[in-house]
Amino acid sequence: MSTPLEQQTDEREALQSIYEGDTNFKEIDSVTFQYKYGEEDNYKSFLVELKWGENYPDEAPTINMNTFYNRNLLPAVKEEIQTALNTEATQWLGCGMTYTLFECLKDNLEQLTAGQPESAPAVVAVDDGVGALKISDPDGDAKKKEPKKEQLTKAQKRRQWERTDHKGDRERGWDWVDLVKHLSQTGGKHDDAPTAAEIAASNAPALHPLNN
């Protein structure tokens, strides 16, 4: 009876002969093989990788569906394909089964990929209300509501500085009226001005006594 290693050698040579010229088949190393299903640009296309262990074919090969090529494959579809391979493998323990497993998927390809869309699903923006949430910031809101200060020119700032006590406050009595100055401008002029009676008298014609 041949050993697992001898069986592997024979099966490897058989696989190389069967799949010669088939670009979908690829031998990664002496115990790892891949087969690609479907067209390259088809969203239903996927790749299966089988790796033999030391005791293969007395034990099933390791099935890998997590290659980068399968990045678009739905998890449910991956699981269905892997389940189908595991079920088939249990029937062929002790016999070279790599070719049988690859061909098994070909026969059931349409059924196994029925749940896989033919193109990338459209991305729909979902408003779950999170974007509408807003954390209230009282200090930030107060800053926003503060009126914008008027920008002063350098000359205006200098005049404002001169009118204040350099602390921002005007000096006490800044708006008081200078009484002496005010009287000199108003009261004195009224004292010297002729009254209305004096003006009328000065304009009246002089009366001369009649000659007797």
N, C-alpha and C. Protein backbone atom coordinates (compact mmCIF):
# COMPACT_ATOMS: atom_id res chain seq x y z
N MET A 1 0.85 -1.21 0.00
CA MET A 1 0.00 0.00 0.00
C MET A 1 0.88 1.24 0.00
N SER A 2 0.56 2.21 -0.86
CA SER A 2 1.37 3.42 -0.98
C SER A 2 1.12 4.35 0.20
N THR A 3 2.15 5.13 0.51
CA THR A 3 2.06 6.08 1.61
C THR A 3 1.38 7.36 1.13
N PRO A 4 0.92 8.22 2.09
CA PRO A 4 0.32 9.51 1.70
C PRO A 4 1.26 10.34 0.83
N LEU A 5 2.56 10.31 1.12
CA LEU A 5 3.52 11.10 0.33
C LEU A 5 3.57 10.60 -1.12
N GLU A 6 3.55 9.27 -1.30
CA GLU A 6 3.58 8.70 -2.65
C GLU A 6 2.29 9.03 -3.39
N GLN A 7 1.19 8.96 -2.68
CA GLN A 7 -0.10 9.30 -3.30
C GLN A 7 -0.13 10.77 -3.73
N GLN A 8 0.45 11.61 -2.91
CA GLN A 8 0.50 13.03 -3.25
C GLN A 8 1.33 13.27 -4.50
N THR A 9 2.45 12.55 -4.63
CA THR A 9 3.31 12.71 -5.80
C THR A 9 2.58 12.30 -7.07
N ASP A 10 1.86 11.21 -6.99
CA ASP A 10 1.11 10.73 -8.16
C ASP A 10 -0.02 11.71 -8.53
N GLU A 11 -0.70 12.19 -7.50
CA GLU A 11 -1.82 13.10 -7.79
C GLU A 11 -1.33 14.44 -8.34
N ARG A 12 -0.20 14.90 -7.85
CA ARG A 12 0.35 16.16 -8.34
C ARG A 12 0.67 16.07 -9.83
N GLU A 13 1.25 14.96 -10.24
CA GLU A 13 1.58 14.77 -11.65
C GLU A 13 0.31 14.68 -12.49
N ALA A 14 -0.72 14.08 -11.93
CA ALA A 14 -2.00 13.96 -12.64
C ALA A 14 -2.64 15.34 -12.81
N LEU A 15 -2.59 16.14 -11.76
CA LEU A 15 -3.17 17.49 -11.84
C LEU A 15 -2.44 18.34 -12.88
N GLN A 16 -1.12 18.24 -12.92
CA GLN A 16 -0.33 19.02 -13.88
C GLN A 16 -0.67 18.61 -15.31
N SER A 17 -0.95 17.36 -15.49
CA SER A 17 -1.30 16.87 -16.83
C SER A 17 -2.72 17.29 -17.22
N ILE A 18 -3.66 17.16 -16.27
CA ILE A 18 -5.06 17.47 -16.56
C ILE A 18 -5.25 18.95 -16.84
N TYR A 19 -4.65 19.79 -16.03
CA TYR A 19 -4.89 21.24 -16.13
C TYR A 19 -3.82 21.98 -16.95
N GLU A 20 -3.03 21.27 -17.68
CA GLU A 20 -2.01 21.92 -18.50
C GLU A 20 -2.69 22.86 -19.52
N GLY A 21 -2.30 24.11 -19.52
CA GLY A 21 -2.88 25.08 -20.44
C GLY A 21 -4.14 25.75 -19.90
N ASP A 22 -4.64 25.30 -18.75
CA ASP A 22 -5.83 25.91 -18.13
C ASP A 22 -5.35 27.07 -17.23
N THR A 23 -5.63 28.29 -17.65
CA THR A 23 -5.15 29.45 -16.90
C THR A 23 -5.87 29.65 -15.57
N ASN A 24 -7.00 28.97 -15.39
CA ASN A 24 -7.72 29.08 -14.13
C ASN A 24 -7.07 28.25 -13.02
N PHE A 25 -6.25 27.29 -13.41
CA PHE A 25 -5.56 26.44 -12.44
C PHE A 25 -4.18 27.00 -12.16
N LYS A 26 -3.79 26.92 -10.87
CA LYS A 26 -2.46 27.41 -10.49
C LYS A 26 -1.90 26.54 -9.37
N GLU A 27 -0.66 26.13 -9.56
CA GLU A 27 0.05 25.37 -8.53
C GLU A 27 0.94 26.35 -7.76
N ILE A 28 0.58 26.63 -6.52
CA ILE A 28 1.34 27.59 -5.71
C ILE A 28 2.65 26.97 -5.25
N ASP A 29 2.57 25.76 -4.71
CA ASP A 29 3.76 24.97 -4.34
C ASP A 29 3.37 23.50 -4.45
N SER A 30 4.21 22.62 -3.96
CA SER A 30 3.98 21.18 -4.15
C SER A 30 2.74 20.64 -3.45
N VAL A 31 2.19 21.42 -2.49
CA VAL A 31 1.01 20.93 -1.76
C VAL A 31 -0.14 21.94 -1.77
N THR A 32 -0.02 23.04 -2.52
CA THR A 32 -1.06 24.08 -2.53
C THR A 32 -1.49 24.36 -3.96
N PHE A 33 -2.82 24.31 -4.17
CA PHE A 33 -3.36 24.47 -5.53
C PHE A 33 -4.57 25.40 -5.49
N GLN A 34 -4.72 26.16 -6.56
CA GLN A 34 -5.83 27.11 -6.66
C GLN A 34 -6.58 26.90 -7.98
N TYR A 35 -7.88 27.22 -7.91
CA TYR A 35 -8.67 27.22 -9.14
C TYR A 35 -9.63 28.39 -9.09
N LYS A 36 -9.69 29.12 -10.20
CA LYS A 36 -10.52 30.33 -10.29
C LYS A 36 -11.75 30.03 -11.13
N TYR A 37 -12.90 30.51 -10.63
CA TYR A 37 -14.19 30.28 -11.29
C TYR A 37 -14.79 31.61 -11.75
N GLY A 38 -15.33 31.61 -12.94
CA GLY A 38 -15.95 32.82 -13.47
C GLY A 38 -14.95 33.74 -14.13
N GLU A 39 -15.48 34.74 -14.83
CA GLU A 39 -14.63 35.70 -15.52
C GLU A 39 -14.00 36.69 -14.54
N GLU A 40 -12.88 37.22 -14.93
CA GLU A 40 -12.09 38.09 -14.05
C GLU A 40 -12.89 39.27 -13.51
N ASP A 41 -13.65 39.93 -14.36
CA ASP A 41 -14.37 41.14 -13.96
C ASP A 41 -15.78 40.86 -13.44
N ASN A 42 -16.15 39.60 -13.39
CA ASN A 42 -17.49 39.25 -12.92
C ASN A 42 -17.52 39.26 -11.40
N TYR A 43 -18.57 39.90 -10.83
CA TYR A 43 -18.65 40.02 -9.37
C TYR A 43 -18.92 38.68 -8.70
N LYS A 44 -19.34 37.68 -9.50
CA LYS A 44 -19.59 36.35 -8.95
C LYS A 44 -18.35 35.45 -9.04
N SER A 45 -17.30 35.97 -9.62
CA SER A 45 -16.09 35.18 -9.76
C SER A 45 -15.43 34.98 -8.39
N PHE A 46 -14.85 33.79 -8.18
CA PHE A 46 -14.18 33.52 -6.91
C PHE A 46 -13.04 32.53 -7.13
N LEU A 47 -12.24 32.34 -6.11
CA LEU A 47 -11.08 31.46 -6.20
C LEU A 47 -11.05 30.54 -4.99
N VAL A 48 -10.76 29.24 -5.24
CA VAL A 48 -10.66 28.24 -4.17
C VAL A 48 -9.22 27.77 -4.07
N GLU A 49 -8.73 27.72 -2.84
CA GLU A 49 -7.36 27.23 -2.60
C GLU A 49 -7.43 25.98 -1.72
N LEU A 50 -6.78 24.92 -2.17
CA LEU A 50 -6.71 23.66 -1.41
C LEU A 50 -5.26 23.37 -1.04
N LYS A 51 -5.05 23.04 0.22
CA LYS A 51 -3.70 22.73 0.68
C LYS A 51 -3.67 21.36 1.35
N TRP A 52 -2.74 20.52 0.91
CA TRP A 52 -2.64 19.18 1.45
C TRP A 52 -1.85 19.19 2.76
N GLY A 53 -2.31 18.42 3.71
CA GLY A 53 -1.56 18.21 4.94
C GLY A 53 -0.67 16.98 4.80
N GLU A 54 0.07 16.62 5.84
CA GLU A 54 0.99 15.48 5.78
C GLU A 54 0.24 14.17 5.54
N ASN A 55 -0.99 14.09 6.04
CA ASN A 55 -1.74 12.83 5.94
C ASN A 55 -2.73 12.80 4.77
N TYR A 56 -2.71 13.82 3.94
CA TYR A 56 -3.59 13.81 2.76
C TYR A 56 -3.14 12.70 1.84
N PRO A 57 -4.03 11.94 1.27
CA PRO A 57 -5.49 12.09 1.16
C PRO A 57 -6.29 11.33 2.23
N ASP A 58 -5.60 10.83 3.27
CA ASP A 58 -6.35 10.16 4.34
C ASP A 58 -7.14 11.19 5.17
N GLU A 59 -6.81 12.43 5.00
CA GLU A 59 -7.56 13.53 5.62
C GLU A 59 -7.88 14.56 4.55
N ALA A 60 -8.93 15.32 4.75
CA ALA A 60 -9.35 16.31 3.75
C ALA A 60 -8.34 17.46 3.69
N PRO A 61 -8.19 18.08 2.54
CA PRO A 61 -7.27 19.22 2.42
C PRO A 61 -7.86 20.44 3.15
N THR A 62 -7.00 21.38 3.47
CA THR A 62 -7.45 22.64 4.07
C THR A 62 -8.02 23.51 2.97
N ILE A 63 -9.21 24.03 3.21
CA ILE A 63 -9.90 24.87 2.22
C ILE A 63 -9.76 26.33 2.61
N ASN A 64 -9.23 27.11 1.72
CA ASN A 64 -9.05 28.55 1.99
C ASN A 64 -9.90 29.36 1.01
N MET A 65 -10.86 30.12 1.58
CA MET A 65 -11.70 31.00 0.75
C MET A 65 -11.42 32.47 1.04
N ASN A 66 -10.38 32.73 1.84
CA ASN A 66 -10.12 34.10 2.28
C ASN A 66 -8.97 34.76 1.53
N THR A 67 -8.77 34.41 0.29
CA THR A 67 -7.76 35.07 -0.53
C THR A 67 -8.25 36.47 -0.93
N PHE A 68 -7.32 37.32 -1.32
CA PHE A 68 -7.68 38.69 -1.70
C PHE A 68 -8.63 38.70 -2.90
N TYR A 69 -8.50 37.72 -3.75
CA TYR A 69 -9.36 37.65 -4.93
C TYR A 69 -10.83 37.56 -4.53
N ASN A 70 -11.11 36.99 -3.38
CA ASN A 70 -12.50 36.81 -2.92
C ASN A 70 -12.99 37.97 -2.05
N ARG A 71 -12.35 39.13 -2.14
CA ARG A 71 -12.70 40.26 -1.27
C ARG A 71 -14.14 40.73 -1.45
N ASN A 72 -14.71 40.51 -2.65
CA ASN A 72 -16.09 40.95 -2.91
C ASN A 72 -17.12 39.85 -2.67
N LEU A 73 -16.65 38.68 -2.33
CA LEU A 73 -17.57 37.56 -2.14
C LEU A 73 -18.27 37.69 -0.79
N LEU A 74 -19.60 37.55 -0.80
CA LEU A 74 -20.36 37.67 0.43
C LEU A 74 -20.01 36.53 1.39
N PRO A 75 -19.96 36.80 2.70
CA PRO A 75 -19.63 35.76 3.68
C PRO A 75 -20.54 34.54 3.58
N ALA A 76 -21.82 34.77 3.35
CA ALA A 76 -22.76 33.65 3.26
C ALA A 76 -22.44 32.76 2.06
N VAL A 77 -22.01 33.37 0.95
CA VAL A 77 -21.67 32.60 -0.25
C VAL A 77 -20.37 31.82 -0.01
N LYS A 78 -19.41 32.44 0.66
CA LYS A 78 -18.16 31.74 1.00
C LYS A 78 -18.46 30.49 1.83
N GLU A 79 -19.30 30.68 2.82
CA GLU A 79 -19.64 29.58 3.72
C GLU A 79 -20.33 28.44 2.97
N GLU A 80 -21.20 28.80 2.04
CA GLU A 80 -21.92 27.76 1.28
C GLU A 80 -20.97 26.96 0.40
N ILE A 81 -20.01 27.65 -0.21
CA ILE A 81 -19.03 26.96 -1.06
C ILE A 81 -18.16 26.04 -0.22
N GLN A 82 -17.73 26.54 0.93
CA GLN A 82 -16.87 25.73 1.80
C GLN A 82 -17.61 24.51 2.35
N THR A 83 -18.87 24.67 2.66
CA THR A 83 -19.67 23.55 3.15
C THR A 83 -19.81 22.47 2.08
N ALA A 84 -20.02 22.91 0.85
CA ALA A 84 -20.15 21.95 -0.26
C ALA A 84 -18.86 21.17 -0.46
N LEU A 85 -17.71 21.84 -0.33
CA LEU A 85 -16.42 21.17 -0.49
C LEU A 85 -16.16 20.17 0.64
N ASN A 86 -16.49 20.58 1.86
CA ASN A 86 -16.29 19.67 3.01
C ASN A 86 -17.15 18.43 2.88
N THR A 87 -18.39 18.63 2.43
CA THR A 87 -19.30 17.48 2.26
C THR A 87 -18.77 16.51 1.21
N GLU A 88 -18.27 17.07 0.12
CA GLU A 88 -17.73 16.23 -0.96
C GLU A 88 -16.46 15.52 -0.51
N ALA A 89 -15.62 16.22 0.26
CA ALA A 89 -14.33 15.65 0.66
C ALA A 89 -14.50 14.42 1.55
N THR A 90 -15.52 14.43 2.40
CA THR A 90 -15.72 13.30 3.31
C THR A 90 -16.01 11.99 2.55
N GLN A 91 -16.47 12.12 1.32
CA GLN A 91 -16.81 10.93 0.54
C GLN A 91 -15.59 10.31 -0.16
N TRP A 92 -14.46 11.08 -0.16
CA TRP A 92 -13.31 10.63 -0.93
C TRP A 92 -12.05 10.47 -0.08
N LEU A 93 -12.23 10.35 1.21
CA LEU A 93 -11.05 10.17 2.07
C LEU A 93 -10.31 8.89 1.70
N GLY A 94 -8.99 9.03 1.61
CA GLY A 94 -8.15 7.89 1.20
C GLY A 94 -7.84 7.89 -0.27
N CYS A 95 -8.52 8.76 -1.03
CA CYS A 95 -8.29 8.84 -2.47
C CYS A 95 -7.90 10.28 -2.85
N GLY A 96 -7.13 10.39 -3.91
CA GLY A 96 -6.81 11.72 -4.41
C GLY A 96 -8.10 12.44 -4.81
N MET A 97 -8.37 13.61 -4.20
CA MET A 97 -9.67 14.25 -4.39
C MET A 97 -9.61 15.69 -4.88
N THR A 98 -8.44 16.23 -5.13
CA THR A 98 -8.32 17.64 -5.50
C THR A 98 -9.06 17.92 -6.80
N TYR A 99 -8.83 17.09 -7.80
CA TYR A 99 -9.53 17.29 -9.07
C TYR A 99 -11.04 17.16 -8.87
N THR A 100 -11.47 16.18 -8.09
CA THR A 100 -12.89 15.96 -7.85
C THR A 100 -13.53 17.16 -7.17
N LEU A 101 -12.84 17.77 -6.21
CA LEU A 101 -13.38 18.92 -5.50
C LEU A 101 -13.49 20.14 -6.43
N PHE A 102 -12.47 20.35 -7.24
CA PHE A 102 -12.52 21.48 -8.17
C PHE A 102 -13.67 21.32 -9.17
N GLU A 103 -13.84 20.10 -9.67
CA GLU A 103 -14.89 19.85 -10.66
C GLU A 103 -16.27 19.86 -10.02
N CYS A 104 -16.35 19.52 -8.76
CA CYS A 104 -17.62 19.55 -8.04
C CYS A 104 -18.20 20.96 -8.03
N LEU A 105 -17.36 21.95 -7.85
CA LEU A 105 -17.82 23.35 -7.84
C LEU A 105 -18.27 23.78 -9.23
N LYS A 106 -17.61 23.31 -10.25
CA LYS A 106 -18.02 23.66 -11.62
C LYS A 106 -19.45 23.21 -11.89
N ASP A 107 -19.78 22.02 -11.42
CA ASP A 107 -21.11 21.45 -11.68
C ASP A 107 -22.20 22.17 -10.89
N ASN A 108 -21.85 22.82 -9.80
CA ASN A 108 -22.86 23.47 -8.95
C ASN A 108 -22.63 24.98 -8.82
N LEU A 109 -21.91 25.52 -9.80
CA LEU A 109 -21.49 26.93 -9.71
C LEU A 109 -22.67 27.89 -9.61
N GLU A 110 -23.65 27.72 -10.47
CA GLU A 110 -24.79 28.63 -10.49
C GLU A 110 -25.57 28.59 -9.18
N GLN A 111 -25.77 27.41 -8.66
CA GLN A 111 -26.50 27.24 -7.41
C GLN A 111 -25.74 27.85 -6.23
N LEU A 112 -24.43 27.62 -6.20
CA LEU A 112 -23.62 28.10 -5.07
C LEU A 112 -23.47 29.62 -5.05
N THR A 113 -23.54 30.24 -6.20
CA THR A 113 -23.36 31.70 -6.27
C THR A 113 -24.68 32.45 -6.47
N ALA A 114 -25.79 31.78 -6.23
CA ALA A 114 -27.10 32.42 -6.43
C ALA A 114 -27.28 33.62 -5.52
N GLY A 115 -26.70 33.58 -4.34
CA GLY A 115 -26.85 34.70 -3.40
C GLY A 115 -25.85 35.82 -3.60
N GLN A 116 -24.95 35.67 -4.58
CA GLN A 116 -23.94 36.69 -4.84
C GLN A 116 -24.42 37.65 -5.93
N PRO A 117 -24.46 38.98 -5.69
CA PRO A 117 -24.88 39.93 -6.73
C PRO A 117 -23.89 39.96 -7.88
N GLU A 118 -24.38 40.33 -9.06
CA GLU A 118 -23.53 40.36 -10.24
C GLU A 118 -22.70 41.64 -10.32
N SER A 119 -23.05 42.62 -9.52
CA SER A 119 -22.29 43.88 -9.50
C SER A 119 -22.24 44.40 -8.07
N ALA A 120 -21.37 45.37 -7.85
CA ALA A 120 -21.22 45.92 -6.50
C ALA A 120 -22.52 46.61 -6.09
N PRO A 121 -22.99 46.35 -4.88
CA PRO A 121 -24.22 47.01 -4.41
C PRO A 121 -24.02 48.51 -4.29
N ALA A 122 -25.08 49.26 -4.61
CA ALA A 122 -25.01 50.71 -4.52
C ALA A 122 -24.92 51.12 -3.07
N VAL A 123 -24.10 52.12 -2.82
CA VAL A 123 -23.93 52.63 -1.46
C VAL A 123 -25.00 53.67 -1.21
N VAL A 124 -25.82 53.43 -0.20
CA VAL A 124 -26.91 54.36 0.14
C VAL A 124 -26.58 55.04 1.45
N ALA A 125 -26.64 56.37 1.44
CA ALA A 125 -26.38 57.13 2.66
C ALA A 125 -27.56 56.98 3.60
N VAL A 126 -27.29 56.50 4.79
CA VAL A 126 -28.34 56.31 5.79
C VAL A 126 -28.17 57.33 6.90
N ASP A 127 -29.21 58.09 7.12
CA ASP A 127 -29.18 59.09 8.19
C ASP A 127 -29.79 58.48 9.43
N ASP A 128 -28.94 58.03 10.35
CA ASP A 128 -29.45 57.40 11.56
C ASP A 128 -29.60 58.38 12.71
N GLY A 129 -29.48 59.65 12.40
CA GLY A 129 -29.69 60.66 13.43
C GLY A 129 -28.43 61.02 14.18
N VAL A 130 -27.36 60.26 13.99
CA VAL A 130 -26.13 60.54 14.73
C VAL A 130 -25.55 61.88 14.29
N GLY A 131 -25.62 62.12 12.97
CA GLY A 131 -25.05 63.36 12.47
C GLY A 131 -25.79 64.59 12.97
N ALA A 132 -27.06 64.38 13.39
CA ALA A 132 -27.85 65.52 13.84
C ALA A 132 -27.60 65.86 15.29
N LEU A 133 -26.92 64.97 16.01
CA LEU A 133 -26.66 65.22 17.41
C LEU A 133 -25.64 66.33 17.57
N LYS A 134 -25.87 67.15 18.55
CA LYS A 134 -24.96 68.26 18.81
C LYS A 134 -24.81 68.44 20.30
N ILE A 135 -23.57 68.45 20.76
CA ILE A 135 -23.30 68.64 22.17
C ILE A 135 -23.25 70.14 22.44
N SER A 136 -24.10 70.55 23.37
CA SER A 136 -24.19 71.98 23.67
C SER A 136 -22.97 72.45 24.45
N ASP A 137 -22.42 73.54 24.02
CA ASP A 137 -21.27 74.15 24.69
C ASP A 137 -21.66 75.57 25.06
N PRO A 138 -22.10 75.78 26.32
CA PRO A 138 -22.56 77.12 26.72
C PRO A 138 -21.52 78.20 26.47
N ASP A 139 -20.26 77.89 26.81
CA ASP A 139 -19.22 78.89 26.61
C ASP A 139 -19.02 79.18 25.13
N GLY A 140 -19.07 78.08 24.32
CA GLY A 140 -18.88 78.28 22.88
C GLY A 140 -20.03 79.06 22.28
N ASP A 141 -21.29 78.77 22.75
CA ASP A 141 -22.44 79.49 22.23
C ASP A 141 -22.38 80.97 22.61
N ALA A 142 -21.91 81.24 23.83
CA ALA A 142 -21.84 82.64 24.27
C ALA A 142 -20.83 83.42 23.44
N LYS A 143 -19.73 82.73 23.10
CA LYS A 143 -18.71 83.39 22.28
C LYS A 143 -19.24 83.72 20.91
N LYS A 144 -20.07 82.78 20.37
CA LYS A 144 -20.62 83.01 19.03
C LYS A 144 -21.59 84.18 19.03
N LYS A 145 -22.32 84.37 20.17
CA LYS A 145 -23.35 85.40 20.22
C LYS A 145 -22.79 86.78 20.55
N GLU A 146 -21.50 86.85 20.95
CA GLU A 146 -20.94 88.16 21.26
C GLU A 146 -20.88 89.00 20.00
N PRO A 147 -21.31 90.28 20.10
CA PRO A 147 -21.27 91.14 18.92
C PRO A 147 -19.84 91.40 18.49
N LYS A 148 -19.69 91.51 17.23
CA LYS A 148 -18.37 91.76 16.68
C LYS A 148 -17.93 93.18 16.97
N LYS A 149 -16.77 93.32 17.55
CA LYS A 149 -16.26 94.65 17.90
C LYS A 149 -15.86 95.42 16.65
N GLU A 150 -16.17 96.71 16.71
CA GLU A 150 -15.86 97.57 15.58
C GLU A 150 -14.35 97.79 15.50
N GLN A 151 -13.81 97.66 14.37
CA GLN A 151 -12.39 97.85 14.18
C GLN A 151 -12.08 99.34 14.02
N LEU A 152 -11.23 99.86 14.88
CA LEU A 152 -10.88 101.29 14.86
C LEU A 152 -9.56 101.49 14.13
N THR A 153 -9.46 102.64 13.52
CA THR A 153 -8.20 102.99 12.88
C THR A 153 -7.21 103.43 13.95
N LYS A 154 -5.95 103.57 13.58
CA LYS A 154 -4.93 103.99 14.54
C LYS A 154 -5.22 105.38 15.08
N ALA A 155 -5.70 106.28 14.20
CA ALA A 155 -6.01 107.64 14.64
C ALA A 155 -7.17 107.64 15.63
N GLN A 156 -8.19 106.83 15.37
CA GLN A 156 -9.34 106.75 16.27
C GLN A 156 -8.93 106.17 17.61
N LYS A 157 -8.08 105.16 17.58
CA LYS A 157 -7.61 104.58 18.83
C LYS A 157 -6.82 105.60 19.64
N ARG A 158 -5.98 106.42 18.94
CA ARG A 158 -5.17 107.42 19.64
C ARG A 158 -6.05 108.47 20.29
N ARG A 159 -7.10 108.94 19.59
CA ARG A 159 -8.00 109.94 20.16
C ARG A 159 -8.78 109.36 21.34
N GLN A 160 -9.16 108.10 21.20
CA GLN A 160 -9.90 107.47 22.31
C GLN A 160 -8.99 107.33 23.53
N TRP A 161 -7.73 107.02 23.28
CA TRP A 161 -6.77 106.88 24.38
C TRP A 161 -6.57 108.20 25.11
N GLU A 162 -6.49 109.28 24.34
CA GLU A 162 -6.27 110.59 24.94
C GLU A 162 -7.46 111.03 25.78
N ARG A 163 -8.67 110.56 25.45
CA ARG A 163 -9.87 110.97 26.17
C ARG A 163 -10.13 110.10 27.41
N THR A 164 -9.36 109.05 27.56
CA THR A 164 -9.60 108.16 28.70
C THR A 164 -8.46 108.26 29.70
N ASP A 165 -8.60 107.54 30.83
CA ASP A 165 -7.56 107.54 31.86
C ASP A 165 -6.61 106.38 31.64
N HIS A 166 -6.55 105.88 30.39
CA HIS A 166 -5.66 104.79 30.00
C HIS A 166 -6.04 103.47 30.64
N LYS A 167 -7.22 103.43 31.26
CA LYS A 167 -7.77 102.17 31.76
C LYS A 167 -9.07 101.84 31.03
N GLY A 168 -9.40 102.69 30.09
CA GLY A 168 -10.63 102.46 29.34
C GLY A 168 -11.79 103.30 29.83
N ASP A 169 -11.62 104.05 30.95
CA ASP A 169 -12.70 104.89 31.51
C ASP A 169 -12.40 106.35 31.26
N ARG A 170 -13.48 107.11 31.02
CA ARG A 170 -13.30 108.55 30.85
C ARG A 170 -13.11 109.21 32.21
N GLU A 171 -12.35 110.31 32.22
CA GLU A 171 -12.12 111.01 33.46
C GLU A 171 -13.40 111.65 33.98
N ARG A 172 -13.51 111.72 35.28
CA ARG A 172 -14.69 112.30 35.91
C ARG A 172 -14.82 113.76 35.49
N GLY A 173 -16.03 114.15 35.06
CA GLY A 173 -16.30 115.53 34.66
C GLY A 173 -15.92 115.87 33.24
N TRP A 174 -15.69 114.77 32.41
CA TRP A 174 -15.26 115.04 31.04
C TRP A 174 -16.33 115.78 30.24
N ASP A 175 -17.60 115.59 30.64
CA ASP A 175 -18.67 116.25 29.89
C ASP A 175 -19.24 117.46 30.62
N TRP A 176 -18.56 117.94 31.70
CA TRP A 176 -19.03 119.14 32.37
C TRP A 176 -18.76 120.36 31.51
N VAL A 177 -19.62 121.36 31.62
CA VAL A 177 -19.46 122.59 30.83
C VAL A 177 -18.56 123.56 31.60
N ASP A 178 -17.59 124.13 30.91
CA ASP A 178 -16.73 125.14 31.52
C ASP A 178 -17.56 126.41 31.70
N LEU A 179 -17.97 126.67 32.97
CA LEU A 179 -18.89 127.78 33.26
C LEU A 179 -18.32 129.12 32.87
N VAL A 180 -17.05 129.34 33.20
CA VAL A 180 -16.43 130.64 32.89
C VAL A 180 -16.37 130.85 31.39
N LYS A 181 -15.96 129.77 30.68
CA LYS A 181 -15.88 129.88 29.22
C LYS A 181 -17.25 130.10 28.62
N HIS A 182 -18.25 129.42 29.22
CA HIS A 182 -19.60 129.55 28.70
C HIS A 182 -20.14 130.97 28.89
N LEU A 183 -19.89 131.57 30.06
CA LEU A 183 -20.38 132.93 30.32
C LEU A 183 -19.68 133.95 29.44
N SER A 184 -18.39 133.68 29.20
CA SER A 184 -17.66 134.63 28.36
C SER A 184 -18.19 134.63 26.95
N GLN A 185 -18.76 133.48 26.55
CA GLN A 185 -19.28 133.39 25.19
C GLN A 185 -20.73 133.83 25.09
N THR A 186 -21.44 133.86 26.24
CA THR A 186 -22.87 134.15 26.18
C THR A 186 -23.26 135.37 27.01
N GLY A 187 -22.97 135.38 28.30
CA GLY A 187 -23.46 136.43 29.20
C GLY A 187 -22.91 137.80 28.88
N GLY A 188 -21.59 137.92 28.67
CA GLY A 188 -20.98 139.24 28.44
C GLY A 188 -21.54 139.93 27.25
N LYS A 189 -21.80 139.25 26.23
CA LYS A 189 -22.31 139.86 25.00
C LYS A 189 -23.70 140.41 25.21
N HIS A 190 -24.53 139.78 26.01
CA HIS A 190 -25.90 140.25 26.25
C HIS A 190 -25.92 141.53 27.08
N ASP A 191 -24.89 141.68 28.02
CA ASP A 191 -24.85 142.88 28.86
C ASP A 191 -24.56 144.11 28.04
N ASP A 192 -23.69 144.06 27.03
CA ASP A 192 -23.33 145.23 26.23
C ASP A 192 -24.30 145.50 25.11
N ALA A 193 -25.12 144.56 24.77
CA ALA A 193 -26.03 144.75 23.63
C ALA A 193 -27.12 145.74 23.97
N PRO A 194 -27.47 146.72 23.09
CA PRO A 194 -28.54 147.70 23.32
C PRO A 194 -29.87 147.01 23.40
N THR A 195 -30.75 147.53 24.21
CA THR A 195 -32.09 146.99 24.34
C THR A 195 -32.92 147.42 23.15
N ALA A 196 -34.10 146.86 23.03
CA ALA A 196 -35.00 147.20 21.92
C ALA A 196 -35.48 148.63 22.02
N ALA A 197 -35.70 149.10 23.26
CA ALA A 197 -36.17 150.49 23.44
C ALA A 197 -35.12 151.48 23.01
N GLU A 198 -33.85 151.15 23.33
CA GLU A 198 -32.76 152.07 22.96
C GLU A 198 -32.61 152.13 21.44
N ILE A 199 -32.79 150.98 20.79
CA ILE A 199 -32.67 150.97 19.33
C ILE A 199 -33.80 151.78 18.71
N ALA A 200 -35.03 151.67 19.26
CA ALA A 200 -36.16 152.40 18.71
C ALA A 200 -35.99 153.90 18.91
N ALA A 201 -35.48 154.28 20.06
CA ALA A 201 -35.29 155.72 20.35
C ALA A 201 -34.25 156.34 19.44
N SER A 202 -33.22 155.57 19.16
CA SER A 202 -32.15 156.12 18.33
C SER A 202 -32.59 156.27 16.88
N ASN A 203 -33.57 155.47 16.48
CA ASN A 203 -34.04 155.56 15.09
C ASN A 203 -35.19 156.55 14.92
N ALA A 204 -35.80 157.05 16.03
CA ALA A 204 -36.93 157.99 15.92
C ALA A 204 -36.43 159.36 15.43
N PRO A 205 -37.24 160.15 14.60
CA PRO A 205 -36.80 161.49 14.10
C PRO A 205 -36.76 162.52 15.24
N ALA A 206 -35.79 163.34 15.15
CA ALA A 206 -35.65 164.40 16.18
C ALA A 206 -36.73 165.45 16.01
N LEU A 207 -37.35 165.91 17.10
CA LEU A 207 -38.41 166.94 17.08
C LEU A 207 -37.79 168.30 17.41
N HIS A 208 -38.11 169.26 16.58
CA HIS A 208 -37.62 170.63 16.78
C HIS A 208 -38.78 171.51 17.22
N PRO A 209 -38.54 172.41 18.15
CA PRO A 209 -39.62 173.34 18.60
C PRO A 209 -40.01 174.27 17.49
N LEU A 210 -41.33 174.51 17.44
CA LEU A 210 -41.83 175.45 16.42
C LEU A 210 -41.43 176.89 16.76
N ASN A 211 -41.14 177.62 15.76
CA ASN A 211 -40.84 179.04 15.94
C ASN A 211 -42.16 179.81 16.15
N ASN A 212 -42.12 180.53 17.18
CA ASN A 212 -43.27 181.37 17.43
C ASN A 212 -43.25 182.56 16.50
